[in-house]
Amino acid sequence: MSRINIVFAAAAVALSFSCTSLAQMRYVVVNGQLLHPRQVAQIESLFCSPIANGRYWYDPDTGIWGYEGNPQPQGQFVNRCGETSGRESLSQRGLLYSMSEILSGR
């Protein structure tokens, strides 16, 4: 085997290991189905909400979710895009000062 073939073979093996390890970084099972990391990323992006690794049940009609094996609902998966923290910013509360106001002591 030539030196170049060995290099390409080693690169292919390394790439397959890195793809496998990336896929293993996310472990999200919903209603018994293991989601691909890309599916998890798409859902997180669509709903602006992170999903922790774990096993869940989910009711798509209500958006209610829980942990697999526990019938107790844990929350409702809703679209959080555009949601604020619920607290106004300093500028909205009139507490943001300009540098000149701070330096002049007003």
N, C-alpha and C. Protein backbone atom coordinates (compact mmCIF):
# COMPACT_ATOMS: atom_id res chain seq x y z
N MET A 1 0.85 -1.18 0.00
CA MET A 1 0.00 0.00 0.00
C MET A 1 0.90 1.24 0.00
N SER A 2 0.60 2.15 -0.88
CA SER A 2 1.43 3.35 -0.96
C SER A 2 1.18 4.26 0.24
N ARG A 3 2.12 5.14 0.45
CA ARG A 3 2.04 6.08 1.58
C ARG A 3 0.79 6.96 1.49
N ILE A 4 0.45 7.38 0.29
CA ILE A 4 -0.72 8.26 0.11
C ILE A 4 -2.01 7.50 0.42
N ASN A 5 -2.08 6.23 0.04
CA ASN A 5 -3.26 5.42 0.35
C ASN A 5 -3.41 5.23 1.85
N ILE A 6 -2.30 5.06 2.54
CA ILE A 6 -2.34 4.91 4.00
C ILE A 6 -2.86 6.19 4.65
N VAL A 7 -2.41 7.34 4.15
CA VAL A 7 -2.86 8.63 4.69
C VAL A 7 -4.36 8.79 4.48
N PHE A 8 -4.85 8.47 3.26
CA PHE A 8 -6.28 8.59 2.99
C PHE A 8 -7.10 7.61 3.83
N ALA A 9 -6.59 6.40 3.99
CA ALA A 9 -7.29 5.41 4.81
C ALA A 9 -7.36 5.87 6.26
N ALA A 10 -6.26 6.41 6.77
CA ALA A 10 -6.25 6.90 8.14
C ALA A 10 -7.21 8.07 8.31
N ALA A 11 -7.25 8.96 7.31
CA ALA A 11 -8.17 10.10 7.37
C ALA A 11 -9.62 9.64 7.35
N ALA A 12 -9.91 8.63 6.54
CA ALA A 12 -11.28 8.10 6.46
C ALA A 12 -11.69 7.47 7.79
N VAL A 13 -10.79 6.73 8.40
CA VAL A 13 -11.09 6.12 9.70
C VAL A 13 -11.30 7.20 10.76
N ALA A 14 -10.43 8.20 10.77
CA ALA A 14 -10.57 9.29 11.75
C ALA A 14 -11.87 10.04 11.56
N LEU A 15 -12.25 10.27 10.30
CA LEU A 15 -13.50 10.97 10.02
C LEU A 15 -14.69 10.15 10.47
N SER A 16 -14.65 8.85 10.26
CA SER A 16 -15.78 8.01 10.70
C SER A 16 -15.90 8.01 12.21
N PHE A 17 -14.77 8.02 12.93
CA PHE A 17 -14.82 8.09 14.38
C PHE A 17 -15.36 9.43 14.85
N SER A 18 -14.95 10.52 14.19
CA SER A 18 -15.43 11.84 14.63
C SER A 18 -16.91 12.00 14.34
N CYS A 19 -17.41 11.47 13.22
CA CYS A 19 -18.84 11.54 12.93
C CYS A 19 -19.62 10.71 13.93
N THR A 20 -19.09 9.54 14.27
CA THR A 20 -19.74 8.70 15.26
C THR A 20 -19.78 9.39 16.62
N SER A 21 -18.68 10.02 17.02
CA SER A 21 -18.66 10.66 18.33
C SER A 21 -19.57 11.88 18.35
N LEU A 22 -19.68 12.60 17.21
CA LEU A 22 -20.60 13.74 17.16
C LEU A 22 -22.04 13.26 17.30
N ALA A 23 -22.36 12.15 16.63
CA ALA A 23 -23.72 11.62 16.72
C ALA A 23 -24.04 11.15 18.13
N GLN A 24 -23.03 10.67 18.84
CA GLN A 24 -23.26 10.18 20.19
C GLN A 24 -23.35 11.30 21.22
N MET A 25 -22.98 12.51 20.84
CA MET A 25 -23.04 13.62 21.78
C MET A 25 -24.49 13.95 22.14
N ARG A 26 -25.43 13.67 21.25
CA ARG A 26 -26.83 13.93 21.50
C ARG A 26 -27.56 12.61 21.62
N TYR A 27 -28.32 12.44 22.68
CA TYR A 27 -29.12 11.23 22.88
C TYR A 27 -30.49 11.69 23.35
N VAL A 28 -31.38 11.87 22.38
CA VAL A 28 -32.73 12.31 22.69
C VAL A 28 -33.69 11.30 22.08
N VAL A 29 -34.49 10.68 22.94
CA VAL A 29 -35.49 9.71 22.51
C VAL A 29 -36.85 10.30 22.83
N VAL A 30 -37.71 10.37 21.83
CA VAL A 30 -39.07 10.91 22.02
C VAL A 30 -40.06 9.85 21.55
N ASN A 31 -40.95 9.48 22.45
CA ASN A 31 -41.97 8.45 22.16
C ASN A 31 -41.34 7.19 21.57
N GLY A 32 -40.20 6.81 22.14
CA GLY A 32 -39.52 5.58 21.74
C GLY A 32 -38.65 5.70 20.51
N GLN A 33 -38.58 6.86 19.89
CA GLN A 33 -37.78 7.04 18.68
C GLN A 33 -36.55 7.88 18.97
N LEU A 34 -35.36 7.32 18.67
CA LEU A 34 -34.11 8.05 18.83
C LEU A 34 -34.02 9.10 17.74
N LEU A 35 -33.87 10.36 18.14
CA LEU A 35 -33.76 11.44 17.16
C LEU A 35 -32.32 11.62 16.74
N HIS A 36 -32.13 11.91 15.48
CA HIS A 36 -30.80 12.21 14.96
C HIS A 36 -30.40 13.59 15.49
N PRO A 37 -29.12 13.82 15.74
CA PRO A 37 -28.69 15.12 16.23
C PRO A 37 -29.18 16.30 15.38
N ARG A 38 -29.28 16.08 14.06
CA ARG A 38 -29.80 17.15 13.20
C ARG A 38 -31.27 17.43 13.48
N GLN A 39 -32.04 16.38 13.78
CA GLN A 39 -33.45 16.57 14.13
C GLN A 39 -33.58 17.37 15.42
N VAL A 40 -32.74 17.03 16.39
CA VAL A 40 -32.76 17.75 17.67
C VAL A 40 -32.42 19.22 17.44
N ALA A 41 -31.39 19.47 16.65
CA ALA A 41 -30.98 20.85 16.36
C ALA A 41 -32.09 21.62 15.65
N GLN A 42 -32.79 20.97 14.73
CA GLN A 42 -33.88 21.63 14.01
C GLN A 42 -35.02 21.99 14.96
N ILE A 43 -35.38 21.07 15.83
CA ILE A 43 -36.46 21.33 16.78
C ILE A 43 -36.06 22.46 17.72
N GLU A 44 -34.82 22.43 18.23
CA GLU A 44 -34.35 23.50 19.11
C GLU A 44 -34.39 24.84 18.41
N SER A 45 -34.01 24.86 17.13
CA SER A 45 -34.01 26.09 16.36
C SER A 45 -35.43 26.59 16.09
N LEU A 46 -36.32 25.69 15.74
CA LEU A 46 -37.70 26.08 15.45
C LEU A 46 -38.42 26.64 16.66
N PHE A 47 -38.16 26.07 17.84
CA PHE A 47 -38.85 26.48 19.05
C PHE A 47 -38.02 27.38 19.96
N CYS A 48 -36.77 27.66 19.56
CA CYS A 48 -35.87 28.50 20.37
C CYS A 48 -35.82 28.00 21.80
N SER A 49 -35.68 26.71 21.93
CA SER A 49 -35.67 26.09 23.25
C SER A 49 -34.72 24.89 23.23
N PRO A 50 -33.81 24.81 24.20
CA PRO A 50 -32.88 23.68 24.23
C PRO A 50 -33.58 22.40 24.67
N ILE A 51 -33.04 21.28 24.22
CA ILE A 51 -33.55 19.97 24.62
C ILE A 51 -32.39 19.21 25.24
N ALA A 52 -32.53 18.83 26.48
CA ALA A 52 -31.48 18.07 27.16
C ALA A 52 -31.52 16.62 26.70
N ASN A 53 -30.36 15.98 26.70
CA ASN A 53 -30.32 14.56 26.40
C ASN A 53 -31.24 13.83 27.38
N GLY A 54 -31.95 12.83 26.88
CA GLY A 54 -32.83 12.06 27.75
C GLY A 54 -33.89 11.33 26.96
N ARG A 55 -34.76 10.68 27.69
CA ARG A 55 -35.86 9.91 27.09
C ARG A 55 -37.16 10.57 27.53
N TYR A 56 -37.99 10.91 26.57
CA TYR A 56 -39.20 11.68 26.83
C TYR A 56 -40.42 11.06 26.16
N TRP A 57 -41.58 11.42 26.69
CA TRP A 57 -42.82 11.22 25.94
C TRP A 57 -43.32 12.61 25.60
N TYR A 58 -44.07 12.69 24.50
CA TYR A 58 -44.53 13.99 24.02
C TYR A 58 -45.90 13.82 23.38
N ASP A 59 -46.84 14.69 23.72
CA ASP A 59 -48.16 14.70 23.11
C ASP A 59 -48.20 15.85 22.11
N PRO A 60 -48.14 15.55 20.81
CA PRO A 60 -48.11 16.62 19.82
C PRO A 60 -49.38 17.46 19.75
N ASP A 61 -50.49 16.92 20.24
CA ASP A 61 -51.75 17.68 20.22
C ASP A 61 -51.75 18.80 21.25
N THR A 62 -51.13 18.56 22.39
CA THR A 62 -51.15 19.57 23.47
C THR A 62 -49.79 20.23 23.68
N GLY A 63 -48.71 19.59 23.21
CA GLY A 63 -47.38 20.11 23.45
C GLY A 63 -46.84 19.72 24.81
N ILE A 64 -47.61 18.94 25.56
CA ILE A 64 -47.18 18.52 26.90
C ILE A 64 -46.16 17.38 26.77
N TRP A 65 -45.13 17.45 27.63
CA TRP A 65 -44.08 16.45 27.60
C TRP A 65 -43.77 15.98 29.01
N GLY A 66 -43.09 14.84 29.07
CA GLY A 66 -42.65 14.30 30.35
C GLY A 66 -41.51 13.32 30.11
N TYR A 67 -41.03 12.75 31.20
CA TYR A 67 -39.94 11.79 31.11
C TYR A 67 -40.50 10.39 30.88
N GLU A 68 -39.87 9.65 29.98
CA GLU A 68 -40.29 8.29 29.67
C GLU A 68 -40.40 7.47 30.96
N GLY A 69 -41.49 6.75 31.10
CA GLY A 69 -41.70 5.92 32.28
C GLY A 69 -42.37 6.64 33.43
N ASN A 70 -42.58 7.94 33.30
CA ASN A 70 -43.23 8.74 34.34
C ASN A 70 -44.42 9.46 33.69
N PRO A 71 -45.65 9.10 34.06
CA PRO A 71 -46.81 9.72 33.41
C PRO A 71 -47.04 11.18 33.81
N GLN A 72 -46.32 11.65 34.82
CA GLN A 72 -46.50 13.03 35.30
C GLN A 72 -45.96 14.03 34.28
N PRO A 73 -46.81 14.92 33.73
CA PRO A 73 -46.30 15.94 32.80
C PRO A 73 -45.26 16.83 33.48
N GLN A 74 -44.23 17.20 32.71
CA GLN A 74 -43.16 18.05 33.23
C GLN A 74 -43.23 19.46 32.67
N GLY A 75 -43.97 19.63 31.59
CA GLY A 75 -44.08 20.96 31.01
C GLY A 75 -44.79 20.92 29.69
N GLN A 76 -44.80 22.07 29.05
CA GLN A 76 -45.42 22.18 27.73
C GLN A 76 -44.40 22.78 26.78
N PHE A 77 -44.17 22.10 25.69
CA PHE A 77 -43.19 22.55 24.71
C PHE A 77 -43.87 23.59 23.83
N VAL A 78 -43.45 24.82 23.98
CA VAL A 78 -44.05 25.92 23.23
C VAL A 78 -42.96 26.70 22.51
N ASN A 79 -43.36 27.46 21.52
CA ASN A 79 -42.42 28.28 20.77
C ASN A 79 -41.95 29.43 21.64
N ARG A 80 -40.65 29.49 21.90
CA ARG A 80 -40.09 30.53 22.75
C ARG A 80 -39.34 31.59 21.94
N CYS A 81 -39.46 31.55 20.63
CA CYS A 81 -38.78 32.53 19.79
C CYS A 81 -39.39 33.91 20.04
N GLY A 82 -38.53 34.88 20.21
CA GLY A 82 -38.99 36.25 20.44
C GLY A 82 -39.40 36.52 21.87
N GLU A 83 -39.30 35.52 22.71
CA GLU A 83 -39.68 35.68 24.12
C GLU A 83 -38.58 36.42 24.87
N THR A 84 -38.98 37.32 25.72
CA THR A 84 -37.99 38.02 26.55
C THR A 84 -37.95 37.35 27.91
N SER A 85 -37.04 37.77 28.71
CA SER A 85 -36.89 37.16 30.03
C SER A 85 -38.02 37.56 30.97
N GLY A 86 -38.90 38.45 30.53
CA GLY A 86 -39.99 38.88 31.38
C GLY A 86 -39.63 40.11 32.19
N ARG A 87 -38.38 40.50 32.13
CA ARG A 87 -37.92 41.68 32.86
C ARG A 87 -37.44 42.72 31.86
N GLU A 88 -37.86 43.94 32.04
CA GLU A 88 -37.44 44.98 31.12
C GLU A 88 -35.95 45.23 31.25
N SER A 89 -35.36 45.65 30.13
CA SER A 89 -33.94 45.97 30.15
C SER A 89 -33.71 47.26 30.93
N LEU A 90 -32.45 47.54 31.22
CA LEU A 90 -32.11 48.77 31.95
C LEU A 90 -32.59 50.01 31.19
N SER A 91 -32.43 50.00 29.88
CA SER A 91 -32.87 51.17 29.11
C SER A 91 -34.39 51.30 29.13
N GLN A 92 -35.10 50.18 29.11
CA GLN A 92 -36.56 50.24 29.18
C GLN A 92 -37.04 50.75 30.53
N ARG A 93 -36.28 50.48 31.58
CA ARG A 93 -36.64 50.94 32.93
C ARG A 93 -36.08 52.32 33.24
N GLY A 94 -35.38 52.93 32.28
CA GLY A 94 -34.82 54.26 32.50
C GLY A 94 -33.62 54.26 33.42
N LEU A 95 -32.95 53.13 33.53
CA LEU A 95 -31.80 53.02 34.43
C LEU A 95 -30.47 52.95 33.69
N LEU A 96 -30.50 53.09 32.38
CA LEU A 96 -29.27 53.06 31.61
C LEU A 96 -28.79 54.49 31.41
N TYR A 97 -27.59 54.76 31.87
CA TYR A 97 -27.06 56.11 31.82
C TYR A 97 -25.98 56.21 30.76
N SER A 98 -25.83 57.40 30.22
CA SER A 98 -24.75 57.63 29.28
C SER A 98 -23.46 57.84 30.07
N MET A 99 -22.33 57.70 29.40
CA MET A 99 -21.04 57.88 30.05
C MET A 99 -20.92 59.30 30.61
N SER A 100 -21.44 60.30 29.89
CA SER A 100 -21.34 61.69 30.39
C SER A 100 -22.14 61.88 31.67
N GLU A 101 -23.29 61.21 31.80
CA GLU A 101 -24.09 61.31 33.03
C GLU A 101 -23.37 60.66 34.20
N ILE A 102 -22.71 59.55 33.94
CA ILE A 102 -21.99 58.86 35.01
C ILE A 102 -20.81 59.71 35.47
N LEU A 103 -20.06 60.27 34.53
CA LEU A 103 -18.88 61.05 34.87
C LEU A 103 -19.24 62.38 35.53
N SER A 104 -20.39 62.95 35.16
CA SER A 104 -20.76 64.24 35.73
C SER A 104 -21.45 64.08 37.09
N GLY A 105 -21.82 62.83 37.42
CA GLY A 105 -22.43 62.59 38.74
C GLY A 105 -23.90 62.94 38.81
N ARG A 106 -24.57 63.10 37.68
CA ARG A 106 -26.00 63.41 37.69
C ARG A 106 -26.83 62.27 38.12
